[in-house]
Amino acid sequence: MKKLVVVVAAALAFACGGQPKATEPTPDQLVEQAMGAPNARILEGVLAKIPPETPGRDKAYARIKELRATEEAAAKAAAEAEAAALPGKLAVGRVRAAEHLDRTFDASLLKNLAIRFRARGPGCDVLHVESDVSNLYPEMMDALGNGTVLYGKVLPGGVDRFAADKGFRVVLYTNRFNSVWRTTDEKEATPKALRKLQVCDEASAARVTTTLSPAARPTPTRVPFRNLSWATATPGTDIFNSSYRLEATIVSADKAAGTIVVKYVRTGEVEPKLLAHVASSWYVRK
């Protein structure tokens, strides 16, 4: 009969959502939990439940100070390790940025120029730009750096701005086959100093331990040229190529036929051209 009463009582308790009340830990058990707490946050929660007069509470309180000191030291060490690794991570990022420029130009209309971009220097913070197959005229270097004419269509904003955004301190443009060069900071990088500027890969970049301030972001250059169009294709108009060099002069224009006749400056030859075929690579003054 007693067994039946117990079963019925348990069933009623379950039906009403009741559960057997868990036994609260004793003060001594709380002290034991506090001494075994894995971190200061958990220990604080247990310590708040221990009555002040409980034996051993002082030891638990002392342990929370030790845990806090240990955790603060670990956090400081982690921050220092992260700070020490940061220059290397940033340098690796610059190496990858140079590789990105390689891929960008190799996949563009300028791929035949084989322009190469390399991170150089002890800090991998000098961007070296050079063509593997042809010389870059000063105007071409300026157009690359400033992101004008066709170069701006490949990399809007230009190489100089891209380099500053990626943390490079200076950009150096050189030619393999002549002495023409361009730099954004003559104090930092010149062709004469190029021999001392090692080429960086990700492994060497990861070992970089210092970071210097990147170059200031250049102001966009206002270019006094625009693409050739029927609005500007009038006899006597000078035409400039993608290097901003004077290429030819328009002799006549036939909009109905879609052609212009030009006279080349260097050779004096006269030749008809479909304007639709040359408009993207020829320019006139604004």
C-alpha atoms as a PDB file:
ATOM      1  CA  MET A   1       0.000   0.000   0.000  1.00  0.00           C
ATOM      2  CA  LYS A   2       2.826   2.413   0.916  1.00  0.00           C
ATOM      3  CA  LYS A   3       4.554   1.555  -2.340  1.00  0.00           C
ATOM      4  CA  LEU A   4       1.389   2.398  -4.270  1.00  0.00           C
ATOM      5  CA  VAL A   5       1.091   5.752  -2.479  1.00  0.00           C
ATOM      6  CA  VAL A   6       4.685   6.617  -3.352  1.00  0.00           C
ATOM      7  CA  VAL A   7       4.179   5.696  -7.001  1.00  0.00           C
ATOM      8  CA  VAL A   8       0.963   7.733  -7.203  1.00  0.00           C
ATOM      9  CA  ALA A   9       2.636  10.711  -5.539  1.00  0.00           C
ATOM     10  CA  ALA A  10       5.547  10.530  -7.959  1.00  0.00           C
ATOM     11  CA  ALA A  11       3.157  10.298 -10.922  1.00  0.00           C
ATOM     12  CA  LEU A  12       1.189  13.314  -9.695  1.00  0.00           C
ATOM     13  CA  ALA A  13       4.387  15.272  -9.232  1.00  0.00           C
ATOM     14  CA  PHE A  14       5.531  14.408 -12.750  1.00  0.00           C
ATOM     15  CA  ALA A  15       2.117  15.277 -14.216  1.00  0.00           C
ATOM     16  CA  CYS A  16       2.247  18.677 -12.533  1.00  0.00           C
ATOM     17  CA  GLY A  17       5.696  19.347 -13.905  1.00  0.00           C
ATOM     18  CA  GLY A  18       7.382  18.885 -10.599  1.00  0.00           C
ATOM     19  CA  GLN A  19      10.911  17.548 -10.227  1.00  0.00           C
ATOM     20  CA  PRO A  20      12.735  16.366  -7.159  1.00  0.00           C
ATOM     21  CA  LYS A  21      14.586  19.346  -5.741  1.00  0.00           C
ATOM     22  CA  ALA A  22      18.350  19.138  -6.200  1.00  0.00           C
ATOM     23  CA  THR A  23      20.360  19.204  -3.024  1.00  0.00           C
ATOM     24  CA  GLU A  24      22.169  22.547  -2.587  1.00  0.00           C
ATOM     25  CA  PRO A  25      25.953  22.148  -2.085  1.00  0.00           C
ATOM     26  CA  THR A  26      27.227  22.755   1.415  1.00  0.00           C
ATOM     27  CA  PRO A  27      29.640  25.623   2.129  1.00  0.00           C
ATOM     28  CA  ASP A  28      32.509  23.129   2.298  1.00  0.00           C
ATOM     29  CA  GLN A  29      31.564  21.734  -1.098  1.00  0.00           C
ATOM     30  CA  LEU A  30      31.431  25.250  -2.522  1.00  0.00           C
ATOM     31  CA  VAL A  31      34.938  25.906  -1.230  1.00  0.00           C
ATOM     32  CA  GLU A  32      36.081  22.711  -2.912  1.00  0.00           C
ATOM     33  CA  GLN A  33      34.445  23.813  -6.195  1.00  0.00           C
ATOM     34  CA  ALA A  34      36.083  27.221  -5.907  1.00  0.00           C
ATOM     35  CA  MET A  35      39.552  25.727  -5.456  1.00  0.00           C
ATOM     36  CA  GLY A  36      39.036  23.613  -8.566  1.00  0.00           C
ATOM     37  CA  ALA A  37      37.568  26.349 -10.770  1.00  0.00           C
ATOM     38  CA  PRO A  38      39.419  26.567 -14.110  1.00  0.00           C
ATOM     39  CA  ASN A  39      39.292  30.346 -14.420  1.00  0.00           C
ATOM     40  CA  ALA A  40      38.621  33.524 -12.455  1.00  0.00           C
ATOM     41  CA  ARG A  41      35.151  34.090 -13.937  1.00  0.00           C
ATOM     42  CA  ILE A  42      33.815  30.733 -12.735  1.00  0.00           C
ATOM     43  CA  LEU A  43      35.562  31.097  -9.386  1.00  0.00           C
ATOM     44  CA  GLU A  44      33.894  34.488  -8.861  1.00  0.00           C
ATOM     45  CA  GLY A  45      30.477  32.909  -9.362  1.00  0.00           C
ATOM     46  CA  VAL A  46      31.186  30.146  -6.812  1.00  0.00           C
ATOM     47  CA  LEU A  47      32.798  32.527  -4.324  1.00  0.00           C
ATOM     48  CA  ALA A  48      29.675  34.690  -4.252  1.00  0.00           C
ATOM     49  CA  LYS A  49      27.708  31.711  -2.856  1.00  0.00           C
ATOM     50  CA  ILE A  50      30.132  30.874  -0.002  1.00  0.00           C
ATOM     51  CA  PRO A  51      29.120  32.366   3.363  1.00  0.00           C
ATOM     52  CA  PRO A  52      31.808  34.748   4.732  1.00  0.00           C
ATOM     53  CA  GLU A  53      32.471  32.665   7.843  1.00  0.00           C
ATOM     54  CA  THR A  54      33.089  29.428   5.930  1.00  0.00           C
ATOM     55  CA  PRO A  55      36.523  27.887   6.629  1.00  0.00           C
ATOM     56  CA  GLY A  56      38.694  27.922   3.511  1.00  0.00           C
ATOM     57  CA  ARG A  57      36.914  30.874   1.904  1.00  0.00           C
ATOM     58  CA  ASP A  58      40.020  33.023   2.330  1.00  0.00           C
ATOM     59  CA  LYS A  59      42.073  30.493   0.336  1.00  0.00           C
ATOM     60  CA  ALA A  60      39.514  30.587  -2.471  1.00  0.00           C
ATOM     61  CA  TYR A  61      39.628  34.381  -2.422  1.00  0.00           C
ATOM     62  CA  ALA A  62      43.434  34.302  -2.633  1.00  0.00           C
ATOM     63  CA  ARG A  63      43.248  31.882  -5.533  1.00  0.00           C
ATOM     64  CA  ILE A  64      41.050  34.226  -7.535  1.00  0.00           C
ATOM     65  CA  LYS A  65      43.804  36.856  -7.314  1.00  0.00           C
ATOM     66  CA  GLU A  66      46.328  34.294  -8.576  1.00  0.00           C
ATOM     67  CA  LEU A  67      44.076  33.279 -11.460  1.00  0.00           C
ATOM     68  CA  ARG A  68      43.510  36.888 -12.470  1.00  0.00           C
ATOM     69  CA  ALA A  69      47.238  37.589 -12.447  1.00  0.00           C
ATOM     70  CA  THR A  70      47.924  34.457 -14.515  1.00  0.00           C
ATOM     71  CA  GLU A  71      45.206  35.297 -17.026  1.00  0.00           C
ATOM     72  CA  GLU A  72      46.415  38.895 -17.349  1.00  0.00           C
ATOM     73  CA  ALA A  73      49.974  37.673 -17.956  1.00  0.00           C
ATOM     74  CA  ALA A  74      48.749  35.206 -20.594  1.00  0.00           C
ATOM     75  CA  ALA A  75      46.708  37.904 -22.329  1.00  0.00           C
ATOM     76  CA  LYS A  76      49.696  40.256 -22.320  1.00  0.00           C
ATOM     77  CA  ALA A  77      51.985  37.564 -23.736  1.00  0.00           C
ATOM     78  CA  ALA A  78      49.440  36.779 -26.459  1.00  0.00           C
ATOM     79  CA  ALA A  79      49.137  40.475 -27.353  1.00  0.00           C
ATOM     80  CA  GLU A  80      52.920  40.831 -27.505  1.00  0.00           C
ATOM     81  CA  ALA A  81      53.207  37.732 -29.691  1.00  0.00           C
ATOM     82  CA  GLU A  82      50.510  39.073 -32.010  1.00  0.00           C
ATOM     83  CA  ALA A  83      52.233  42.460 -32.180  1.00  0.00           C
ATOM     84  CA  ALA A  84      55.566  40.779 -32.943  1.00  0.00           C
ATOM     85  CA  ALA A  85      53.977  38.745 -35.738  1.00  0.00           C
ATOM     86  CA  LEU A  86      52.088  41.712 -37.241  1.00  0.00           C
ATOM     87  CA  PRO A  87      54.972  43.154 -39.326  1.00  0.00           C
ATOM     88  CA  GLY A  88      55.475  39.742 -40.896  1.00  0.00           C
ATOM     89  CA  LYS A  89      51.778  39.356 -41.648  1.00  0.00           C
ATOM     90  CA  LEU A  90      51.657  42.812 -43.228  1.00  0.00           C
ATOM     91  CA  ALA A  91      54.763  42.053 -45.293  1.00  0.00           C
ATOM     92  CA  VAL A  92      53.217  38.804 -46.540  1.00  0.00           C
ATOM     93  CA  GLY A  93      50.152  40.839 -47.493  1.00  0.00           C
ATOM     94  CA  ARG A  94      52.350  43.158 -49.600  1.00  0.00           C
ATOM     95  CA  VAL A  95      53.952  40.203 -51.384  1.00  0.00           C
ATOM     96  CA  ARG A  96      50.494  38.896 -52.204  1.00  0.00           C
ATOM     97  CA  ALA A  97      49.419  42.380 -53.355  1.00  0.00           C
ATOM     98  CA  ALA A  98      52.323  42.459 -55.844  1.00  0.00           C
ATOM     99  CA  GLU A  99      51.335  38.995 -57.079  1.00  0.00           C
ATOM    100  CA  HIS A 100      47.768  40.254 -57.487  1.00  0.00           C
ATOM    101  CA  LEU A 101      49.037  43.067 -59.738  1.00  0.00           C
ATOM    102  CA  ASP A 102      50.932  40.502 -61.829  1.00  0.00           C
ATOM    103  CA  ARG A 103      47.765  38.489 -62.350  1.00  0.00           C
ATOM    104  CA  THR A 104      45.653  41.588 -63.028  1.00  0.00           C
ATOM    105  CA  PHE A 105      47.900  42.940 -65.776  1.00  0.00           C
ATOM    106  CA  ASP A 106      48.588  39.496 -67.255  1.00  0.00           C
ATOM    107  CA  ALA A 107      44.847  39.049 -67.744  1.00  0.00           C
ATOM    108  CA  SER A 108      44.392  42.484 -69.338  1.00  0.00           C
ATOM    109  CA  LEU A 109      44.884  44.130 -72.724  1.00  0.00           C
ATOM    110  CA  LEU A 110      48.397  45.051 -71.520  1.00  0.00           C
ATOM    111  CA  LYS A 111      49.512  41.443 -71.053  1.00  0.00           C
ATOM    112  CA  ASN A 112      51.953  41.659 -73.986  1.00  0.00           C
ATOM    113  CA  LEU A 113      53.980  44.260 -72.075  1.00  0.00           C
ATOM    114  CA  ALA A 114      54.731  41.580 -69.434  1.00  0.00           C
ATOM    115  CA  ILE A 115      54.810  44.166 -66.648  1.00  0.00           C
ATOM    116  CA  ARG A 116      56.129  42.586 -63.456  1.00  0.00           C
ATOM    117  CA  PHE A 117      55.482  43.703 -59.896  1.00  0.00           C
ATOM    118  CA  ARG A 118      57.745  42.642 -57.013  1.00  0.00           C
ATOM    119  CA  ALA A 119      57.857  43.451 -53.310  1.00  0.00           C
ATOM    120  CA  ARG A 120      61.441  44.292 -52.373  1.00  0.00           C
ATOM    121  CA  GLY A 121      63.579  45.515 -49.503  1.00  0.00           C
ATOM    122  CA  PRO A 122      64.227  44.460 -45.889  1.00  0.00           C
ATOM    123  CA  GLY A 123      60.636  45.276 -45.018  1.00  0.00           C
ATOM    124  CA  CYS A 124      59.172  44.097 -48.338  1.00  0.00           C
ATOM    125  CA  ASP A 125      57.693  47.585 -48.617  1.00  0.00           C
ATOM    126  CA  VAL A 126      59.188  48.762 -51.923  1.00  0.00           C
ATOM    127  CA  LEU A 127      57.061  47.917 -54.953  1.00  0.00           C
ATOM    128  CA  HIS A 128      59.298  47.398 -57.988  1.00  0.00           C
ATOM    129  CA  VAL A 129      57.634  47.716 -61.404  1.00  0.00           C
ATOM    130  CA  GLU A 130      59.385  46.622 -64.605  1.00  0.00           C
ATOM    131  CA  SER A 131      58.553  45.167 -68.017  1.00  0.00           C
ATOM    132  CA  ASP A 132      60.159  41.881 -69.034  1.00  0.00           C
ATOM    133  CA  VAL A 133      59.966  42.533 -72.758  1.00  0.00           C
ATOM    134  CA  SER A 134      59.897  46.265 -73.530  1.00  0.00           C
ATOM    135  CA  ASN A 135      60.943  49.652 -72.272  1.00  0.00           C
ATOM    136  CA  LEU A 136      58.459  51.839 -70.447  1.00  0.00           C
ATOM    137  CA  TYR A 137      58.503  55.447 -71.573  1.00  0.00           C
ATOM    138  CA  PRO A 138      58.337  58.107 -68.853  1.00  0.00           C
ATOM    139  CA  GLU A 139      54.780  58.843 -69.970  1.00  0.00           C
ATOM    140  CA  MET A 140      53.897  55.158 -69.615  1.00  0.00           C
ATOM    141  CA  MET A 141      55.351  55.097 -66.110  1.00  0.00           C
ATOM    142  CA  ASP A 142      53.306  58.159 -65.203  1.00  0.00           C
ATOM    143  CA  ALA A 143      50.171  56.600 -66.688  1.00  0.00           C
ATOM    144  CA  LEU A 144      50.791  53.377 -64.744  1.00  0.00           C
ATOM    145  CA  GLY A 145      51.363  55.252 -61.520  1.00  0.00           C
ATOM    146  CA  ASN A 146      48.450  57.631 -61.876  1.00  0.00           C
ATOM    147  CA  GLY A 147      45.970  55.205 -63.433  1.00  0.00           C
ATOM    148  CA  THR A 148      45.337  57.139 -66.605  1.00  0.00           C
ATOM    149  CA  VAL A 149      44.478  56.189 -70.200  1.00  0.00           C
ATOM    150  CA  LEU A 150      44.392  52.420 -70.771  1.00  0.00           C
ATOM    151  CA  TYR A 151      46.311  51.680 -67.562  1.00  0.00           C
ATOM    152  CA  GLY A 152      43.516  53.208 -65.532  1.00  0.00           C
ATOM    153  CA  LYS A 153      41.032  50.816 -67.099  1.00  0.00           C
ATOM    154  CA  VAL A 154      43.161  47.884 -65.936  1.00  0.00           C
ATOM    155  CA  LEU A 155      43.787  49.289 -62.453  1.00  0.00           C
ATOM    156  CA  PRO A 156      41.464  52.194 -61.544  1.00  0.00           C
ATOM    157  CA  GLY A 157      43.289  54.705 -59.364  1.00  0.00           C
ATOM    158  CA  GLY A 158      46.722  53.630 -60.549  1.00  0.00           C
ATOM    159  CA  VAL A 159      49.634  51.654 -59.155  1.00  0.00           C
ATOM    160  CA  ASP A 160      50.832  54.423 -56.822  1.00  0.00           C
ATOM    161  CA  ARG A 161      47.517  54.596 -54.993  1.00  0.00           C
ATOM    162  CA  PHE A 162      47.151  50.811 -54.892  1.00  0.00           C
ATOM    163  CA  ALA A 163      50.642  50.537 -53.389  1.00  0.00           C
ATOM    164  CA  ALA A 164      49.909  53.123 -50.702  1.00  0.00           C
ATOM    165  CA  ASP A 165      46.661  51.367 -49.796  1.00  0.00           C
ATOM    166  CA  LYS A 166      48.536  48.051 -49.406  1.00  0.00           C
ATOM    167  CA  GLY A 167      51.222  49.519 -47.133  1.00  0.00           C
ATOM    168  CA  PHE A 168      54.129  50.046 -49.540  1.00  0.00           C
ATOM    169  CA  ARG A 169      56.369  52.999 -48.722  1.00  0.00           C
ATOM    170  CA  VAL A 170      57.604  53.660 -52.247  1.00  0.00           C
ATOM    171  CA  VAL A 171      57.081  52.543 -55.844  1.00  0.00           C
ATOM    172  CA  LEU A 172      60.079  52.240 -58.177  1.00  0.00           C
ATOM    173  CA  TYR A 173      59.635  51.930 -61.955  1.00  0.00           C
ATOM    174  CA  THR A 174      62.652  50.788 -63.994  1.00  0.00           C
ATOM    175  CA  ASN A 175      63.577  49.431 -67.434  1.00  0.00           C
ATOM    176  CA  ARG A 176      65.754  46.402 -68.068  1.00  0.00           C
ATOM    177  CA  PHE A 177      67.085  47.810 -71.338  1.00  0.00           C
ATOM    178  CA  ASN A 178      67.689  51.501 -70.626  1.00  0.00           C
ATOM    179  CA  SER A 179      68.220  53.920 -67.759  1.00  0.00           C
ATOM    180  CA  VAL A 180      64.769  55.528 -67.737  1.00  0.00           C
ATOM    181  CA  TRP A 181      63.168  55.246 -64.311  1.00  0.00           C
ATOM    182  CA  ARG A 182      60.568  56.780 -62.009  1.00  0.00           C
ATOM    183  CA  THR A 183      60.168  56.674 -58.233  1.00  0.00           C
ATOM    184  CA  THR A 184      57.672  58.041 -55.744  1.00  0.00           C
ATOM    185  CA  ASP A 185      60.483  58.820 -53.271  1.00  0.00           C
ATOM    186  CA  GLU A 186      64.086  59.332 -54.399  1.00  0.00           C
ATOM    187  CA  LYS A 187      65.340  59.154 -50.803  1.00  0.00           C
ATOM    188  CA  GLU A 188      64.010  55.633 -50.424  1.00  0.00           C
ATOM    189  CA  ALA A 189      64.476  53.850 -53.771  1.00  0.00           C
ATOM    190  CA  THR A 190      66.464  54.478 -56.939  1.00  0.00           C
ATOM    191  CA  PRO A 191      67.858  52.157 -59.619  1.00  0.00           C
ATOM    192  CA  LYS A 192      71.281  52.471 -57.992  1.00  0.00           C
ATOM    193  CA  ALA A 193      69.869  51.159 -54.721  1.00  0.00           C
ATOM    194  CA  LEU A 194      67.911  48.402 -56.461  1.00  0.00           C
ATOM    195  CA  ARG A 195      70.779  45.898 -56.147  1.00  0.00           C
ATOM    196  CA  LYS A 196      70.472  46.065 -52.368  1.00  0.00           C
ATOM    197  CA  LEU A 197      66.733  45.530 -52.364  1.00  0.00           C
ATOM    198  CA  GLN A 198      66.141  41.799 -52.119  1.00  0.00           C
ATOM    199  CA  VAL A 199      63.071  40.332 -53.798  1.00  0.00           C
ATOM    200  CA  CYS A 200      60.600  39.089 -51.192  1.00  0.00           C
ATOM    201  CA  ASP A 201      58.595  35.889 -51.159  1.00  0.00           C
ATOM    202  CA  GLU A 202      56.124  34.857 -48.475  1.00  0.00           C
ATOM    203  CA  ALA A 203      58.767  32.984 -46.460  1.00  0.00           C
ATOM    204  CA  SER A 204      61.139  35.951 -46.235  1.00  0.00           C
ATOM    205  CA  ALA A 205      58.242  38.371 -45.695  1.00  0.00           C
ATOM    206  CA  ALA A 206      57.024  36.361 -42.691  1.00  0.00           C
ATOM    207  CA  ARG A 207      60.382  37.024 -40.994  1.00  0.00           C
ATOM    208  CA  VAL A 208      60.014  40.815 -41.172  1.00  0.00           C
ATOM    209  CA  THR A 209      60.021  42.254 -37.646  1.00  0.00           C
ATOM    210  CA  THR A 210      59.522  45.985 -38.159  1.00  0.00           C
ATOM    211  CA  THR A 211      56.914  48.077 -39.924  1.00  0.00           C
ATOM    212  CA  LEU A 212      57.445  51.600 -41.201  1.00  0.00           C
ATOM    213  CA  SER A 213      54.706  54.014 -42.141  1.00  0.00           C
ATOM    214  CA  PRO A 214      53.329  53.455 -45.662  1.00  0.00           C
ATOM    215  CA  ALA A 215      53.402  56.142 -48.315  1.00  0.00           C
ATOM    216  CA  ALA A 216      50.738  58.813 -48.240  1.00  0.00           C
ATOM    217  CA  ARG A 217      47.821  58.090 -50.539  1.00  0.00           C
ATOM    218  CA  PRO A 218      48.424  60.163 -53.691  1.00  0.00           C
ATOM    219  CA  THR A 219      45.907  62.663 -54.958  1.00  0.00           C
ATOM    220  CA  PRO A 220      44.260  61.582 -58.220  1.00  0.00           C
ATOM    221  CA  THR A 221      45.906  63.187 -61.246  1.00  0.00           C
ATOM    222  CA  ARG A 222      43.751  65.254 -63.554  1.00  0.00           C
ATOM    223  CA  VAL A 223      44.595  64.122 -67.084  1.00  0.00           C
ATOM    224  CA  PRO A 224      44.319  66.657 -69.929  1.00  0.00           C
ATOM    225  CA  PHE A 225      43.313  63.924 -72.417  1.00  0.00           C
ATOM    226  CA  ARG A 226      40.185  62.052 -73.388  1.00  0.00           C
ATOM    227  CA  ASN A 227      39.402  59.242 -75.778  1.00  0.00           C
ATOM    228  CA  LEU A 228      38.995  59.988 -79.451  1.00  0.00           C
ATOM    229  CA  SER A 229      35.345  60.158 -80.538  1.00  0.00           C
ATOM    230  CA  TRP A 230      33.280  61.569 -83.362  1.00  0.00           C
ATOM    231  CA  ALA A 231      32.802  64.696 -81.282  1.00  0.00           C
ATOM    232  CA  THR A 232      36.557  65.365 -81.449  1.00  0.00           C
ATOM    233  CA  ALA A 233      37.452  63.704 -84.775  1.00  0.00           C
ATOM    234  CA  THR A 234      37.909  66.878 -86.795  1.00  0.00           C
ATOM    235  CA  PRO A 235      40.603  67.673 -89.389  1.00  0.00           C
ATOM    236  CA  GLY A 236      43.749  69.109 -87.827  1.00  0.00           C
ATOM    237  CA  THR A 237      43.212  67.428 -84.435  1.00  0.00           C
ATOM    238  CA  ASP A 238      46.338  65.874 -82.915  1.00  0.00           C
ATOM    239  CA  ILE A 239      46.066  62.251 -81.771  1.00  0.00           C
ATOM    240  CA  PHE A 240      48.072  60.839 -78.868  1.00  0.00           C
ATOM    241  CA  ASN A 241      48.802  57.185 -78.101  1.00  0.00           C
ATOM    242  CA  SER A 242      48.462  55.385 -74.745  1.00  0.00           C
ATOM    243  CA  SER A 243      51.798  56.839 -73.644  1.00  0.00           C
ATOM    244  CA  TYR A 244      50.529  60.381 -74.303  1.00  0.00           C
ATOM    245  CA  ARG A 245      52.985  60.707 -77.166  1.00  0.00           C
ATOM    246  CA  LEU A 246      51.898  62.568 -80.285  1.00  0.00           C
ATOM    247  CA  GLU A 247      51.063  59.834 -82.810  1.00  0.00           C
ATOM    248  CA  ALA A 248      49.269  61.416 -85.730  1.00  0.00           C
ATOM    249  CA  THR A 249      47.078  64.238 -86.991  1.00  0.00           C
ATOM    250  CA  ILE A 250      43.608  63.844 -88.449  1.00  0.00           C
ATOM    251  CA  VAL A 251      43.499  64.770 -92.145  1.00  0.00           C
ATOM    252  CA  SER A 252      39.804  64.101 -92.769  1.00  0.00           C
ATOM    253  CA  ALA A 253      36.818  62.361 -91.199  1.00  0.00           C
ATOM    254  CA  ASP A 254      33.875  60.532 -92.798  1.00  0.00           C
ATOM    255  CA  LYS A 255      31.318  59.739 -90.096  1.00  0.00           C
ATOM    256  CA  ALA A 256      28.959  58.015 -92.555  1.00  0.00           C
ATOM    257  CA  ALA A 257      31.719  55.529 -93.479  1.00  0.00           C
ATOM    258  CA  GLY A 258      32.969  55.377 -89.908  1.00  0.00           C
ATOM    259  CA  THR A 259      36.518  56.244 -90.969  1.00  0.00           C
ATOM    260  CA  ILE A 260      39.123  58.899 -90.349  1.00  0.00           C
ATOM    261  CA  VAL A 261      42.287  59.534 -92.347  1.00  0.00           C
ATOM    262  CA  VAL A 262      45.385  60.266 -90.300  1.00  0.00           C
ATOM    263  CA  LYS A 263      48.946  61.357 -91.039  1.00  0.00           C
ATOM    264  CA  TYR A 264      51.583  59.837 -88.778  1.00  0.00           C
ATOM    265  CA  VAL A 265      54.031  62.259 -87.217  1.00  0.00           C
ATOM    266  CA  ARG A 266      57.158  60.079 -87.407  1.00  0.00           C
ATOM    267  CA  THR A 267      56.780  58.610 -90.897  1.00  0.00           C
ATOM    268  CA  GLY A 268      54.538  61.081 -92.671  1.00  0.00           C
ATOM    269  CA  GLU A 269      52.419  58.197 -93.951  1.00  0.00           C
ATOM    270  CA  VAL A 270      48.715  58.793 -94.543  1.00  0.00           C
ATOM    271  CA  GLU A 271      46.349  55.973 -93.609  1.00  0.00           C
ATOM    272  CA  PRO A 272      42.572  55.469 -93.182  1.00  0.00           C
ATOM    273  CA  LYS A 273      41.340  54.070 -89.856  1.00  0.00           C
ATOM    274  CA  LEU A 274      38.010  52.828 -88.565  1.00  0.00           C
ATOM    275  CA  LEU A 275      37.354  55.112 -85.632  1.00  0.00           C
ATOM    276  CA  ALA A 276      35.574  52.328 -83.724  1.00  0.00           C
ATOM    277  CA  HIS A 277      38.802  50.289 -83.808  1.00  0.00           C
ATOM    278  CA  VAL A 278      41.143  53.021 -82.514  1.00  0.00           C
ATOM    279  CA  ALA A 279      38.911  55.086 -80.217  1.00  0.00           C
ATOM    280  CA  SER A 280      39.847  53.105 -77.084  1.00  0.00           C
ATOM    281  CA  SER A 281      43.619  53.517 -77.574  1.00  0.00           C
ATOM    282  CA  TRP A 282      43.906  56.988 -79.126  1.00  0.00           C
ATOM    283  CA  TYR A 283      43.428  60.227 -77.236  1.00  0.00           C
ATOM    284  CA  VAL A 284      42.975  63.924 -77.866  1.00  0.00           C
ATOM    285  CA  ARG A 285      43.515  66.912 -75.661  1.00  0.00           C
ATOM    286  CA  LYS A 286      40.567  68.066 -73.589  1.00  0.00           C
END
